PDB file of N, CA and C in Angstrom:
ATOM      1  N   MET A   1     110.790 110.164  88.428  1.00  0.00           N
ATOM      2  CA  MET A   1     109.607 109.338  88.538  1.00  0.00           C
ATOM      3  C   MET A   1     109.745 108.452  89.777  1.00  0.00           C
ATOM      4  N   SER A   2     108.716 108.361  90.594  1.00  0.00           N
ATOM      5  CA  SER A   2     108.786 107.561  91.817  1.00  0.00           C
ATOM      6  C   SER A   2     108.502 106.098  91.513  1.00  0.00           C
ATOM      7  N   ASP A   3     108.782 105.253  92.500  1.00  0.00           N
ATOM      8  CA  ASP A   3     108.538 103.816  92.339  1.00  0.00           C
ATOM      9  C   ASP A   3     107.056 103.496  92.173  1.00  0.00           C
ATOM     10  N   ASN A   4     106.189 104.386  92.663  1.00  0.00           N
ATOM     11  CA  ASN A   4     104.753 104.132  92.564  1.00  0.00           C
ATOM     12  C   ASN A   4     104.250 104.226  91.127  1.00  0.00           C
ATOM     13  N   HIS A   5     104.993 104.949  90.259  1.00  0.00           N
ATOM     14  CA  HIS A   5     104.556 105.134  88.888  1.00  0.00           C
ATOM     15  C   HIS A   5     105.223 104.171  87.917  1.00  0.00           C
ATOM     16  N   ILE A   6     106.087 103.306  88.401  1.00  0.00           N
ATOM     17  CA  ILE A   6     106.752 102.336  87.548  1.00  0.00           C
ATOM     18  C   ILE A   6     105.843 101.133  87.366  1.00  0.00           C
ATOM     19  N   HIS A   7     105.771 100.658  86.158  1.00  0.00           N
ATOM     20  CA  HIS A   7     104.956  99.476  85.872  1.00  0.00           C
ATOM     21  C   HIS A   7     105.478  98.299  86.698  1.00  0.00           C
ATOM     22  N   PRO A   8     104.602  97.477  87.300  1.00  0.00           N
ATOM     23  CA  PRO A   8     105.045  96.373  88.167  1.00  0.00           C
ATOM     24  C   PRO A   8     106.032  95.423  87.511  1.00  0.00           C
ATOM     25  N   SER A   9     105.932  95.228  86.199  1.00  0.00           N
ATOM     26  CA  SER A   9     106.840  94.281  85.554  1.00  0.00           C
ATOM     27  C   SER A   9     108.252  94.840  85.415  1.00  0.00           C
ATOM     28  N   THR A  10     108.408  96.168  85.464  1.00  0.00           N
ATOM     29  CA  THR A  10     109.735  96.771  85.343  1.00  0.00           C
ATOM     30  C   THR A  10     110.312  97.211  86.682  1.00  0.00           C
ATOM     31  N   ARG A  11     109.523  97.139  87.741  1.00  0.00           N
ATOM     32  CA  ARG A  11     109.989  97.525  89.069  1.00  0.00           C
ATOM     33  C   ARG A  11     111.029  96.509  89.539  1.00  0.00           C
ATOM     34  N   PRO A  12     112.143  96.970  90.146  1.00  0.00           N
ATOM     35  CA  PRO A  12     113.145  96.020  90.627  1.00  0.00           C
ATOM     36  C   PRO A  12     112.562  95.130  91.719  1.00  0.00           C
ATOM     37  N   ALA A  13     112.929  93.871  91.675  1.00  0.00           N
ATOM     38  CA  ALA A  13     112.425  92.906  92.660  1.00  0.00           C
ATOM     39  C   ALA A  13     113.063  93.178  94.006  1.00  0.00           C
ATOM     40  N   THR A  14     112.238  93.214  95.054  1.00  0.00           N
ATOM     41  CA  THR A  14     112.756  93.391  96.406  1.00  0.00           C
ATOM     42  C   THR A  14     112.658  92.067  97.123  1.00  0.00           C
ATOM     43  N   LYS A  15     113.676  91.763  97.873  1.00  0.00           N
ATOM     44  CA  LYS A  15     113.692  90.503  98.605  1.00  0.00           C
ATOM     45  C   LYS A  15     113.153  90.729 100.004  1.00  0.00           C
ATOM     46  N   ASN A  16     112.196  89.927 100.378  1.00  0.00           N
ATOM     47  CA  ASN A  16     111.639  89.981 101.722  1.00  0.00           C
ATOM     48  C   ASN A  16     112.260  88.839 102.513  1.00  0.00           C
ATOM     49  N   VAL A  17     113.328  89.135 103.203  1.00  0.00           N
ATOM     50  CA  VAL A  17     114.096  88.109 103.901  1.00  0.00           C
ATOM     51  C   VAL A  17     113.287  87.486 105.028  1.00  0.00           C
ATOM     52  N   ASP A  18     112.381  88.244 105.647  1.00  0.00           N
ATOM     53  CA  ASP A  18     111.598  87.713 106.768  1.00  0.00           C
ATOM     54  C   ASP A  18     110.746  86.521 106.370  1.00  0.00           C
ATOM     55  N   ARG A  19     110.300  86.447 105.124  1.00  0.00           N
ATOM     56  CA  ARG A  19     109.416  85.365 104.699  1.00  0.00           C
ATOM     57  C   ARG A  19     110.161  84.246 103.993  1.00  0.00           C
ATOM     58  N   ALA A  20     111.483  84.380 103.907  1.00  0.00           N
ATOM     59  CA  ALA A  20     112.266  83.348 103.217  1.00  0.00           C
ATOM     60  C   ALA A  20     112.210  82.049 103.997  1.00  0.00           C
ATOM     61  N   GLY A  21     112.236  80.933 103.282  1.00  0.00           N
ATOM     62  CA  GLY A  21     112.089  79.626 103.902  1.00  0.00           C
ATOM     63  C   GLY A  21     113.254  79.213 104.777  1.00  0.00           C
ATOM     64  N   GLY A  22     114.478  79.662 104.494  1.00  0.00           N
ATOM     65  CA  GLY A  22     115.633  79.195 105.237  1.00  0.00           C
ATOM     66  C   GLY A  22     116.113  80.131 106.319  1.00  0.00           C
ATOM     67  N   VAL A  23     115.328  81.120 106.704  1.00  0.00           N
ATOM     68  CA  VAL A  23     115.753  82.074 107.729  1.00  0.00           C
ATOM     69  C   VAL A  23     115.838  81.360 109.070  1.00  0.00           C
ATOM     70  N   PRO A  24     116.970  81.498 109.771  1.00  0.00           N
ATOM     71  CA  PRO A  24     117.152  80.739 111.010  1.00  0.00           C
ATOM     72  C   PRO A  24     116.415  81.299 112.225  1.00  0.00           C
ATOM     73  N   THR A  25     115.701  82.417 112.111  1.00  0.00           N
ATOM     74  CA  THR A  25     114.994  82.960 113.262  1.00  0.00           C
ATOM     75  C   THR A  25     113.733  82.151 113.541  1.00  0.00           C
ATOM     76  N   PRO A  26     113.430  81.891 114.809  1.00  0.00           N
ATOM     77  CA  PRO A  26     112.219  81.113 115.129  1.00  0.00           C
ATOM     78  C   PRO A  26     110.944  81.890 114.799  1.00  0.00           C
ATOM     79  N   ARG A  27     109.964  81.177 114.333  1.00  0.00           N
ATOM     80  CA  ARG A  27     108.643  81.734 114.025  1.00  0.00           C
ATOM     81  C   ARG A  27     107.577  80.768 114.534  1.00  0.00           C
ATOM     82  N   TRP A  28     106.358  81.277 114.718  1.00  0.00           N
ATOM     83  CA  TRP A  28     105.242  80.437 115.126  1.00  0.00           C
ATOM     84  C   TRP A  28     104.665  79.761 113.904  1.00  0.00           C
ATOM     85  N   HIS A  29     104.671  78.434 113.901  1.00  0.00           N
ATOM     86  CA  HIS A  29     104.114  77.632 112.817  1.00  0.00           C
ATOM     87  C   HIS A  29     102.871  76.903 113.314  1.00  0.00           C
ATOM     88  N   VAL A  30     101.965  76.585 112.409  1.00  0.00           N
ATOM     89  CA  VAL A  30     100.733  75.867 112.735  1.00  0.00           C
ATOM     90  C   VAL A  30     100.914  74.413 112.314  1.00  0.00           C
ATOM     91  N   ALA A  31     100.849  73.506 113.289  1.00  0.00           N
ATOM     92  CA  ALA A  31     101.036  72.083 113.016  1.00  0.00           C
ATOM     93  C   ALA A  31      99.704  71.352 113.124  1.00  0.00           C
ATOM     94  N   ILE A  32      99.470  70.433 112.194  1.00  0.00           N
ATOM     95  CA  ILE A  32      98.277  69.581 112.202  1.00  0.00           C
ATOM     96  C   ILE A  32      98.688  68.235 112.800  1.00  0.00           C
ATOM     97  N   VAL A  33      97.980  67.823 113.856  1.00  0.00           N
ATOM     98  CA  VAL A  33      98.348  66.619 114.607  1.00  0.00           C
ATOM     99  C   VAL A  33      97.154  65.674 114.718  1.00  0.00           C
ATOM    100  N   ASN A  34      97.391  64.494 115.299  1.00  0.00           N
ATOM    101  CA  ASN A  34      96.313  63.524 115.527  1.00  0.00           C
ATOM    102  C   ASN A  34      95.221  64.132 116.400  1.00  0.00           C
ATOM    103  N   HIS A  35      93.985  63.714 116.139  1.00  0.00           N
ATOM    104  CA  HIS A  35      92.848  64.170 116.935  1.00  0.00           C
ATOM    105  C   HIS A  35      92.995  63.691 118.380  1.00  0.00           C
ATOM    106  N   ASN A  36      92.703  64.561 119.323  1.00  0.00           N
ATOM    107  CA  ASN A  36      92.790  64.302 120.767  1.00  0.00           C
ATOM    108  C   ASN A  36      94.207  64.000 121.251  1.00  0.00           C
ATOM    109  N   ALA A  37      95.211  64.371 120.489  1.00  0.00           N
ATOM    110  CA  ALA A  37      96.596  64.158 120.910  1.00  0.00           C
ATOM    111  C   ALA A  37      97.360  65.483 120.989  1.00  0.00           C
ATOM    112  N   GLU A  38      96.646  66.589 120.980  1.00  0.00           N
ATOM    113  CA  GLU A  38      97.290  67.904 120.938  1.00  0.00           C
ATOM    114  C   GLU A  38      98.218  68.120 122.139  1.00  0.00           C
ATOM    115  N   HIS A  39      97.722  67.873 123.339  1.00  0.00           N
ATOM    116  CA  HIS A  39      98.528  68.110 124.544  1.00  0.00           C
ATOM    117  C   HIS A  39      99.714  67.148 124.620  1.00  0.00           C
ATOM    118  N   THR A  40      99.510  65.901 124.243  1.00  0.00           N
ATOM    119  CA  THR A  40     100.581  64.901 124.294  1.00  0.00           C
ATOM    120  C   THR A  40     101.711  65.262 123.340  1.00  0.00           C
ATOM    121  N   ILE A  41     101.377  65.618 122.121  1.00  0.00           N
ATOM    122  CA  ILE A  41     102.394  65.971 121.133  1.00  0.00           C
ATOM    123  C   ILE A  41     103.076  67.279 121.521  1.00  0.00           C
ATOM    124  N   ALA A  42     102.318  68.232 122.051  1.00  0.00           N
ATOM    125  CA  ALA A  42     102.913  69.499 122.490  1.00  0.00           C
ATOM    126  C   ALA A  42     103.919  69.258 123.618  1.00  0.00           C
ATOM    127  N   ARG A  43     103.597  68.358 124.553  1.00  0.00           N
ATOM    128  CA  ARG A  43     104.547  68.040 125.632  1.00  0.00           C
ATOM    129  C   ARG A  43     105.794  67.364 125.081  1.00  0.00           C
ATOM    130  N   THR A  44     105.635  66.482 124.099  1.00  0.00           N
ATOM    131  CA  THR A  44     106.775  65.805 123.478  1.00  0.00           C
ATOM    132  C   THR A  44     107.720  66.818 122.828  1.00  0.00           C
ATOM    133  N   ILE A  45     107.151  67.771 122.120  1.00  0.00           N
ATOM    134  CA  ILE A  45     107.968  68.792 121.451  1.00  0.00           C
ATOM    135  C   ILE A  45     108.578  69.742 122.473  1.00  0.00           C
ATOM    136  N   ALA A  46     107.818  70.123 123.489  1.00  0.00           N
ATOM    137  CA  ALA A  46     108.338  71.018 124.526  1.00  0.00           C
ATOM    138  C   ALA A  46     109.484  70.372 125.301  1.00  0.00           C
ATOM    139  N   ALA A  47     109.476  69.045 125.422  1.00  0.00           N
ATOM    140  CA  ALA A  47     110.570  68.345 126.108  1.00  0.00           C
ATOM    141  C   ALA A  47     111.887  68.494 125.352  1.00  0.00           C
ATOM    142  N   GLN A  48     111.815  68.828 124.064  1.00  0.00           N
ATOM    143  CA  GLN A  48     113.004  69.057 123.252  1.00  0.00           C
ATOM    144  C   GLN A  48     113.483  70.507 123.347  1.00  0.00           C
ATOM    145  N   GLY A  49     112.798  71.322 124.153  1.00  0.00           N
ATOM    146  CA  GLY A  49     113.188  72.711 124.340  1.00  0.00           C
ATOM    147  C   GLY A  49     112.573  73.661 123.328  1.00  0.00           C
ATOM    148  N   ILE A  50     111.571  73.216 122.603  1.00  0.00           N
ATOM    149  CA  ILE A  50     110.907  74.053 121.599  1.00  0.00           C
ATOM    150  C   ILE A  50     109.564  74.503 122.168  1.00  0.00           C
ATOM    151  N   PRO A  51     109.319  75.825 122.240  1.00  0.00           N
ATOM    152  CA  PRO A  51     108.047  76.313 122.790  1.00  0.00           C
ATOM    153  C   PRO A  51     106.854  75.913 121.930  1.00  0.00           C
ATOM    154  N   THR A  52     105.773  75.514 122.589  1.00  0.00           N
ATOM    155  CA  THR A  52     104.534  75.145 121.902  1.00  0.00           C
ATOM    156  C   THR A  52     103.364  75.813 122.602  1.00  0.00           C
ATOM    157  N   TYR A  53     102.239  75.869 121.899  1.00  0.00           N
ATOM    158  CA  TYR A  53     101.014  76.399 122.490  1.00  0.00           C
ATOM    159  C   TYR A  53      99.821  75.641 121.917  1.00  0.00           C
ATOM    160  N   VAL A  54      98.963  75.154 122.810  1.00  0.00           N
ATOM    161  CA  VAL A  54      97.706  74.512 122.424  1.00  0.00           C
ATOM    162  C   VAL A  54      96.593  75.445 122.867  1.00  0.00           C
ATOM    163  N   ALA A  55      95.759  75.896 121.939  1.00  0.00           N
ATOM    164  CA  ALA A  55      94.660  76.796 122.264  1.00  0.00           C
ATOM    165  C   ALA A  55      93.580  76.007 122.997  1.00  0.00           C
ATOM    166  N   SER A  56      93.527  76.182 124.319  1.00  0.00           N
ATOM    167  CA  SER A  56      92.562  75.436 125.125  1.00  0.00           C
ATOM    168  C   SER A  56      92.011  76.331 126.230  1.00  0.00           C
ATOM    169  N   GLN A  57      90.859  75.931 126.745  1.00  0.00           N
ATOM    170  CA  GLN A  57      90.195  76.638 127.831  1.00  0.00           C
ATOM    171  C   GLN A  57      89.829  75.648 128.921  1.00  0.00           C
ATOM    172  N   PRO A  58      89.936  76.061 130.185  1.00  0.00           N
ATOM    173  CA  PRO A  58      89.477  75.182 131.251  1.00  0.00           C
ATOM    174  C   PRO A  58      87.944  75.071 131.205  1.00  0.00           C
ATOM    175  N   GLN A  59      87.460  73.864 131.447  1.00  0.00           N
ATOM    176  CA  GLN A  59      86.021  73.623 131.363  1.00  0.00           C
ATOM    177  C   GLN A  59      85.633  72.586 132.406  1.00  0.00           C
ATOM    178  N   LEU A  60      84.471  72.766 133.036  1.00  0.00           N
ATOM    179  CA  LEU A  60      83.949  71.787 133.979  1.00  0.00           C
ATOM    180  C   LEU A  60      83.111  70.792 133.193  1.00  0.00           C
ATOM    181  N   ARG A  61      83.507  69.536 133.232  1.00  0.00           N
ATOM    182  CA  ARG A  61      82.793  68.485 132.504  1.00  0.00           C
ATOM    183  C   ARG A  61      81.977  67.690 133.519  1.00  0.00           C
ATOM    184  N   ILE A  62      80.683  67.486 133.235  1.00  0.00           N
ATOM    185  CA  ILE A  62      79.804  66.746 134.143  1.00  0.00           C
ATOM    186  C   ILE A  62      79.227  65.565 133.366  1.00  0.00           C
ATOM    187  N   TRP A  63      79.470  64.348 133.880  1.00  0.00           N
ATOM    188  CA  TRP A  63      78.955  63.141 133.244  1.00  0.00           C
ATOM    189  C   TRP A  63      77.562  62.828 133.757  1.00  0.00           C
ATOM    190  N   ARG A  64      76.866  61.925 133.079  1.00  0.00           N
ATOM    191  CA  ARG A  64      75.491  61.557 133.459  1.00  0.00           C
ATOM    192  C   ARG A  64      75.415  60.961 134.856  1.00  0.00           C
ATOM    193  N   ASP A  65      76.461  60.245 135.252  1.00  0.00           N
ATOM    194  CA  ASP A  65      76.425  59.621 136.575  1.00  0.00           C
ATOM    195  C   ASP A  65      76.819  60.592 137.691  1.00  0.00           C
ATOM    196  N   GLY A  66      76.984  61.873 137.370  1.00  0.00           N
ATOM    197  CA  GLY A  66      77.245  62.886 138.382  1.00  0.00           C
ATOM    198  C   GLY A  66      78.719  63.231 138.590  1.00  0.00           C
ATOM    199  N   ARG A  67      79.613  62.489 137.959  1.00  0.00           N
ATOM    200  CA  ARG A  67      81.034  62.807 138.118  1.00  0.00           C
ATOM    201  C   ARG A  67      81.327  64.173 137.527  1.00  0.00           C
ATOM    202  N   ARG A  68      82.228  64.907 138.181  1.00  0.00           N
ATOM    203  CA  ARG A  68      82.632  66.232 137.711  1.00  0.00           C
ATOM    204  C   ARG A  68      84.143  66.262 137.600  1.00  0.00           C
ATOM    205  N   ARG A  69      84.590  66.922 136.561  1.00  0.00           N
ATOM    206  CA  ARG A  69      86.030  67.021 136.385  1.00  0.00           C
ATOM    207  C   ARG A  69      86.360  68.282 135.580  1.00  0.00           C
ATOM    208  N   HIS A  70      87.420  68.957 135.988  1.00  0.00           N
ATOM    209  CA  HIS A  70      87.904  70.109 135.229  1.00  0.00           C
ATOM    210  C   HIS A  70      88.864  69.591 134.163  1.00  0.00           C
ATOM    211  N   ILE A  71      88.616  69.962 132.921  1.00  0.00           N
ATOM    212  CA  ILE A  71      89.463  69.524 131.801  1.00  0.00           C
ATOM    213  C   ILE A  71      89.914  70.756 131.008  1.00  0.00           C
ATOM    214  N   ASP A  72      90.948  70.575 130.205  1.00  0.00           N
ATOM    215  CA  ASP A  72      91.369  71.600 129.251  1.00  0.00           C
ATOM    216  C   ASP A  72      90.732  71.256 127.917  1.00  0.00           C
ATOM    217  N   HIS A  73      89.722  72.026 127.536  1.00  0.00           N
ATOM    218  CA  HIS A  73      89.007  71.803 126.281  1.00  0.00           C
ATOM    219  C   HIS A  73      89.782  72.470 125.146  1.00  0.00           C
ATOM    220  N   VAL A  74      90.180  71.710 124.136  1.00  0.00           N
ATOM    221  CA  VAL A  74      90.929  72.243 123.002  1.00  0.00           C
ATOM    222  C   VAL A  74      89.970  73.027 122.104  1.00  0.00           C
ATOM    223  N   VAL A  75      90.294  74.300 121.881  1.00  0.00           N
ATOM    224  CA  VAL A  75      89.428  75.186 121.103  1.00  0.00           C
ATOM    225  C   VAL A  75      89.611  74.976 119.600  1.00  0.00           C
ATOM    226  N   ILE A  76      90.843  74.721 119.171  1.00  0.00           N
ATOM    227  CA  ILE A  76      91.128  74.483 117.754  1.00  0.00           C
ATOM    228  C   ILE A  76      91.599  73.031 117.642  1.00  0.00           C
ATOM    229  N   PRO A  77      90.696  72.101 117.325  1.00  0.00           N
ATOM    230  CA  PRO A  77      91.050  70.680 117.323  1.00  0.00           C
ATOM    231  C   PRO A  77      92.148  70.339 116.314  1.00  0.00           C
ATOM    232  N   SER A  78      92.969  69.376 116.683  1.00  0.00           N
ATOM    233  CA  SER A  78      94.041  68.830 115.842  1.00  0.00           C
ATOM    234  C   SER A  78      95.080  69.868 115.426  1.00  0.00           C
ATOM    235  N   THR A  79      95.216  70.932 116.204  1.00  0.00           N
ATOM    236  CA  THR A  79      96.138  72.007 115.842  1.00  0.00           C
ATOM    237  C   THR A  79      96.963  72.428 117.055  1.00  0.00           C
ATOM    238  N   ILE A  80      98.277  72.570 116.849  1.00  0.00           N
ATOM    239  CA  ILE A  80      99.141  73.166 117.867  1.00  0.00           C
ATOM    240  C   ILE A  80     100.021  74.202 117.185  1.00  0.00           C
ATOM    241  N   PHE A  81     100.488  75.162 117.965  1.00  0.00           N
ATOM    242  CA  PHE A  81     101.374  76.199 117.470  1.00  0.00           C
ATOM    243  C   PHE A  81     102.769  75.904 117.999  1.00  0.00           C
ATOM    244  N   ILE A  82     103.760  75.948 117.115  1.00  0.00           N
ATOM    245  CA  ILE A  82     105.136  75.602 117.476  1.00  0.00           C
ATOM    246  C   ILE A  82     106.046  76.762 117.091  1.00  0.00           C
ATOM    247  N   HIS A  83     106.876  77.228 118.039  1.00  0.00           N
ATOM    248  CA  HIS A  83     107.807  78.328 117.799  1.00  0.00           C
ATOM    249  C   HIS A  83     109.171  77.726 117.480  1.00  0.00           C
ATOM    250  N   CYS A  84     109.490  77.644 116.188  1.00  0.00           N
ATOM    251  CA  CYS A  84     110.720  76.968 115.779  1.00  0.00           C
ATOM    252  C   CYS A  84     111.309  77.593 114.520  1.00  0.00           C
ATOM    253  N   THR A  85     112.534  77.205 114.244  1.00  0.00           N
ATOM    254  CA  THR A  85     113.201  77.628 113.016  1.00  0.00           C
ATOM    255  C   THR A  85     112.825  76.664 111.893  1.00  0.00           C
ATOM    256  N   GLU A  86     113.223  76.993 110.676  1.00  0.00           N
ATOM    257  CA  GLU A  86     112.921  76.126 109.537  1.00  0.00           C
ATOM    258  C   GLU A  86     113.596  74.760 109.657  1.00  0.00           C
ATOM    259  N   PRO A  87     114.890  74.677 110.036  1.00  0.00           N
ATOM    260  CA  PRO A  87     115.494  73.339 110.199  1.00  0.00           C
ATOM    261  C   PRO A  87     114.825  72.519 111.315  1.00  0.00           C
ATOM    262  N   GLN A  88     114.439  73.176 112.414  1.00  0.00           N
ATOM    263  CA  GLN A  88     113.738  72.472 113.489  1.00  0.00           C
ATOM    264  C   GLN A  88     112.383  71.970 113.007  1.00  0.00           C
ATOM    265  N   ARG A  89     111.690  72.784 112.215  1.00  0.00           N
ATOM    266  CA  ARG A  89     110.370  72.398 111.700  1.00  0.00           C
ATOM    267  C   ARG A  89     110.484  71.135 110.851  1.00  0.00           C
ATOM    268  N   ARG A  90     111.491  71.089 109.998  1.00  0.00           N
ATOM    269  CA  ARG A  90     111.675  69.917 109.140  1.00  0.00           C
ATOM    270  C   ARG A  90     112.031  68.677 109.964  1.00  0.00           C
ATOM    271  N   THR A  91     112.861  68.854 110.970  1.00  0.00           N
ATOM    272  CA  THR A  91     113.231  67.729 111.839  1.00  0.00           C
ATOM    273  C   THR A  91     112.020  67.224 112.608  1.00  0.00           C
ATOM    274  N   LEU A  92     111.217  68.143 113.155  1.00  0.00           N
ATOM    275  CA  LEU A  92     110.014  67.743 113.901  1.00  0.00           C
ATOM    276  C   LEU A  92     109.056  66.958 113.018  1.00  0.00           C
ATOM    277  N   LEU A  93     108.913  67.393 111.790  1.00  0.00           N
ATOM    278  CA  LEU A  93     107.998  66.723 110.865  1.00  0.00           C
ATOM    279  C   LEU A  93     108.424  65.288 110.603  1.00  0.00           C
ATOM    280  N   GLN A  94     109.719  65.048 110.562  1.00  0.00           N
ATOM    281  CA  GLN A  94     110.229  63.706 110.289  1.00  0.00           C
ATOM    282  C   GLN A  94     110.296  62.820 111.520  1.00  0.00           C
ATOM    283  N   THR A  95     110.475  63.413 112.707  1.00  0.00           N
ATOM    284  CA  THR A  95     110.754  62.609 113.898  1.00  0.00           C
ATOM    285  C   THR A  95     109.621  62.537 114.921  1.00  0.00           C
ATOM    286  N   THR A  96     108.591  63.357 114.804  1.00  0.00           N
ATOM    287  CA  THR A  96     107.536  63.387 115.818  1.00  0.00           C
ATOM    288  C   THR A  96     106.346  62.562 115.371  1.00  0.00           C
ATOM    289  N   PRO A  97     106.077  61.447 116.050  1.00  0.00           N
ATOM    290  CA  PRO A  97     104.893  60.662 115.689  1.00  0.00           C
ATOM    291  C   PRO A  97     103.618  61.432 116.043  1.00  0.00           C
ATOM    292  N   GLY A  98     102.649  61.373 115.162  1.00  0.00           N
ATOM    293  CA  GLY A  98     101.382  62.063 115.390  1.00  0.00           C
ATOM    294  C   GLY A  98     101.328  63.443 114.771  1.00  0.00           C
ATOM    295  N   LEU A  99     102.478  64.013 114.409  1.00  0.00           N
ATOM    296  CA  LEU A  99     102.511  65.309 113.737  1.00  0.00           C
ATOM    297  C   LEU A  99     102.454  65.033 112.239  1.00  0.00           C
ATOM    298  N   HIS A 100     101.343  65.411 111.600  1.00  0.00           N
ATOM    299  CA  HIS A 100     101.121  65.052 110.195  1.00  0.00           C
ATOM    300  C   HIS A 100     101.738  66.036 109.221  1.00  0.00           C
ATOM    301  N   ARG A 101     101.498  67.325 109.444  1.00  0.00           N
ATOM    302  CA  ARG A 101     101.979  68.319 108.498  1.00  0.00           C
ATOM    303  C   ARG A 101     101.911  69.695 109.135  1.00  0.00           C
ATOM    304  N   PHE A 102     102.461  70.665 108.434  1.00  0.00           N
ATOM    305  CA  PHE A 102     102.361  72.059 108.836  1.00  0.00           C
ATOM    306  C   PHE A 102     101.466  72.780 107.841  1.00  0.00           C
ATOM    307  N   LEU A 103     100.704  73.734 108.335  1.00  0.00           N
ATOM    308  CA  LEU A 103      99.815  74.511 107.485  1.00  0.00           C
ATOM    309  C   LEU A 103     100.642  75.285 106.464  1.00  0.00           C
ATOM    310  N   ILE A 104     100.199  75.301 105.214  1.00  0.00           N
ATOM    311  CA  ILE A 104     100.916  75.956 104.127  1.00  0.00           C
ATOM    312  C   ILE A 104     100.169  77.223 103.707  1.00  0.00           C
ATOM    313  N   ASP A 105     100.919  78.299 103.471  1.00  0.00           N
ATOM    314  CA  ASP A 105     100.353  79.564 103.000  1.00  0.00           C
ATOM    315  C   ASP A 105     100.393  79.567 101.479  1.00  0.00           C
ATOM    316  N   ARG A 106      99.295  79.202 100.862  1.00  0.00           N
ATOM    317  CA  ARG A 106      99.229  79.158  99.403  1.00  0.00           C
ATOM    318  C   ARG A 106      98.688  80.468  98.822  1.00  0.00           C
ATOM    319  N   ALA A 107      98.080  81.297  99.659  1.00  0.00           N
ATOM    320  CA  ALA A 107      97.436  82.510  99.162  1.00  0.00           C
ATOM    321  C   ALA A 107      98.426  83.638  98.895  1.00  0.00           C
ATOM    322  N   THR A 108      99.365  83.871  99.797  1.00  0.00           N
ATOM    323  CA  THR A 108     100.235  85.038  99.653  1.00  0.00           C
ATOM    324  C   THR A 108     101.668  84.695  99.304  1.00  0.00           C
ATOM    325  N   ALA A 109     102.091  83.478  99.505  1.00  0.00           N
ATOM    326  CA  ALA A 109     103.482  83.112  99.247  1.00  0.00           C
ATOM    327  C   ALA A 109     103.607  82.384  97.924  1.00  0.00           C
ATOM    328  N   THR A 110     104.574  82.823  97.122  1.00  0.00           N
ATOM    329  CA  THR A 110     104.855  82.143  95.864  1.00  0.00           C
ATOM    330  C   THR A 110     106.331  81.843  95.818  1.00  0.00           C
ATOM    331  N   PRO A 111     106.770  80.637  95.811  1.00  0.00           N
ATOM    332  CA  PRO A 111     106.008  79.399  95.902  1.00  0.00           C
ATOM    333  C   PRO A 111     105.423  79.230  97.308  1.00  0.00           C
ATOM    334  N   PRO A 112     104.443  78.339  97.468  1.00  0.00           N
ATOM    335  CA  PRO A 112     103.829  78.148  98.785  1.00  0.00           C
ATOM    336  C   PRO A 112     104.862  77.792  99.849  1.00  0.00           C
ATOM    337  N   ARG A 113     104.725  78.412 101.016  1.00  0.00           N
ATOM    338  CA  ARG A 113     105.635  78.186 102.134  1.00  0.00           C
ATOM    339  C   ARG A 113     104.823  77.868 103.388  1.00  0.00           C
ATOM    340  N   PRO A 114     105.473  77.326 104.395  1.00  0.00           N
ATOM    341  CA  PRO A 114     104.753  77.087 105.653  1.00  0.00           C
ATOM    342  C   PRO A 114     104.201  78.398 106.209  1.00  0.00           C
ATOM    343  N   ALA A 115     102.961  78.358 106.644  1.00  0.00           N
ATOM    344  CA  ALA A 115     102.327  79.551 107.207  1.00  0.00           C
ATOM    345  C   ALA A 115     102.958  79.880 108.552  1.00  0.00           C
ATOM    346  N   THR A 116     103.186  81.159 108.785  1.00  0.00           N
ATOM    347  CA  THR A 116     103.707  81.609 110.069  1.00  0.00           C
ATOM    348  C   THR A 116     102.719  82.586 110.677  1.00  0.00           C
ATOM    349  N   ILE A 117     102.693  82.615 111.993  1.00  0.00           N
ATOM    350  CA  ILE A 117     101.799  83.489 112.738  1.00  0.00           C
ATOM    351  C   ILE A 117     102.663  84.500 113.483  1.00  0.00           C
ATOM    352  N   PRO A 118     102.361  85.805 113.382  1.00  0.00           N
ATOM    353  CA  PRO A 118     103.124  86.784 114.152  1.00  0.00           C
ATOM    354  C   PRO A 118     102.966  86.551 115.651  1.00  0.00           C
ATOM    355  N   GLY A 119     104.013  86.802 116.394  1.00  0.00           N
ATOM    356  CA  GLY A 119     103.995  86.593 117.847  1.00  0.00           C
ATOM    357  C   GLY A 119     102.902  87.372 118.546  1.00  0.00           C
ATOM    358  N   GLN A 120     102.576  88.578 118.032  1.00  0.00           N
ATOM    359  CA  GLN A 120     101.514  89.383 118.648  1.00  0.00           C
ATOM    360  C   GLN A 120     100.164  88.684 118.551  1.00  0.00           C
ATOM    361  N   GLN A 121      99.908  87.989 117.453  1.00  0.00           N
ATOM    362  CA  GLN A 121      98.631  87.296 117.307  1.00  0.00           C
ATOM    363  C   GLN A 121      98.545  86.095 118.246  1.00  0.00           C
ATOM    364  N   ILE A 122      99.667  85.413 118.478  1.00  0.00           N
ATOM    365  CA  ILE A 122      99.666  84.319 119.445  1.00  0.00           C
ATOM    366  C   ILE A 122      99.393  84.869 120.843  1.00  0.00           C
ATOM    367  N   GLN A 123     100.004  86.001 121.179  1.00  0.00           N
ATOM    368  CA  GLN A 123      99.771  86.627 122.490  1.00  0.00           C
ATOM    369  C   GLN A 123      98.308  87.028 122.649  1.00  0.00           C
ATOM    370  N   ARG A 124      97.696  87.553 121.600  1.00  0.00           N
ATOM    371  CA  ARG A 124      96.265  87.924 121.658  1.00  0.00           C
ATOM    372  C   ARG A 124      95.399  86.692 121.861  1.00  0.00           C
ATOM    373  N   LEU A 125      95.719  85.612 121.162  1.00  0.00           N
ATOM    374  CA  LEU A 125      94.961  84.372 121.316  1.00  0.00           C
ATOM    375  C   LEU A 125      95.064  83.854 122.747  1.00  0.00           C
ATOM    376  N   ARG A 126      96.265  83.884 123.298  1.00  0.00           N
ATOM    377  CA  ARG A 126      96.460  83.451 124.698  1.00  0.00           C
ATOM    378  C   ARG A 126      95.652  84.338 125.648  1.00  0.00           C
ATOM    379  N   PHE A 127      95.648  85.624 125.389  1.00  0.00           N
ATOM    380  CA  PHE A 127      94.905  86.562 126.241  1.00  0.00           C
ATOM    381  C   PHE A 127      93.407  86.285 126.175  1.00  0.00           C
ATOM    382  N   MET A 128      92.886  86.049 124.967  1.00  0.00           N
ATOM    383  CA  MET A 128      91.446  85.813 124.801  1.00  0.00           C
ATOM    384  C   MET A 128      91.011  84.512 125.465  1.00  0.00           C
ATOM    385  N   LEU A 129      91.879  83.504 125.435  1.00  0.00           N
ATOM    386  CA  LEU A 129      91.490  82.221 125.998  1.00  0.00           C
ATOM    387  C   LEU A 129      91.877  82.140 127.451  1.00  0.00           C
TER     388      LEU A 129
END
């Protein structure tokens, strides 16, 4: 009898090490930060040697008085992506002012764990923006 025909309650439990909370390999995490502080907090974290990404697009801003300026418009407000390990994530949460929390995956992970983004999806986002 194959594994496909075994009742789910009697099937041996398989461990998915990639999704375990204490795995030391770096992953992309979604951090929730202060509004309009995305670039500042990302620079603070990057100064510690941890890669970050803020989803932004260059935009020409024109004020009523005629001033023009090129700015980086944040596409996903109050959100930055951080490529870190689990111990680094916990340290950043405790030591970085303005970083409130990390997005939690409550839908697929039991118990809920910090949501991670595959590197390919971050690359696609960078390409699109």
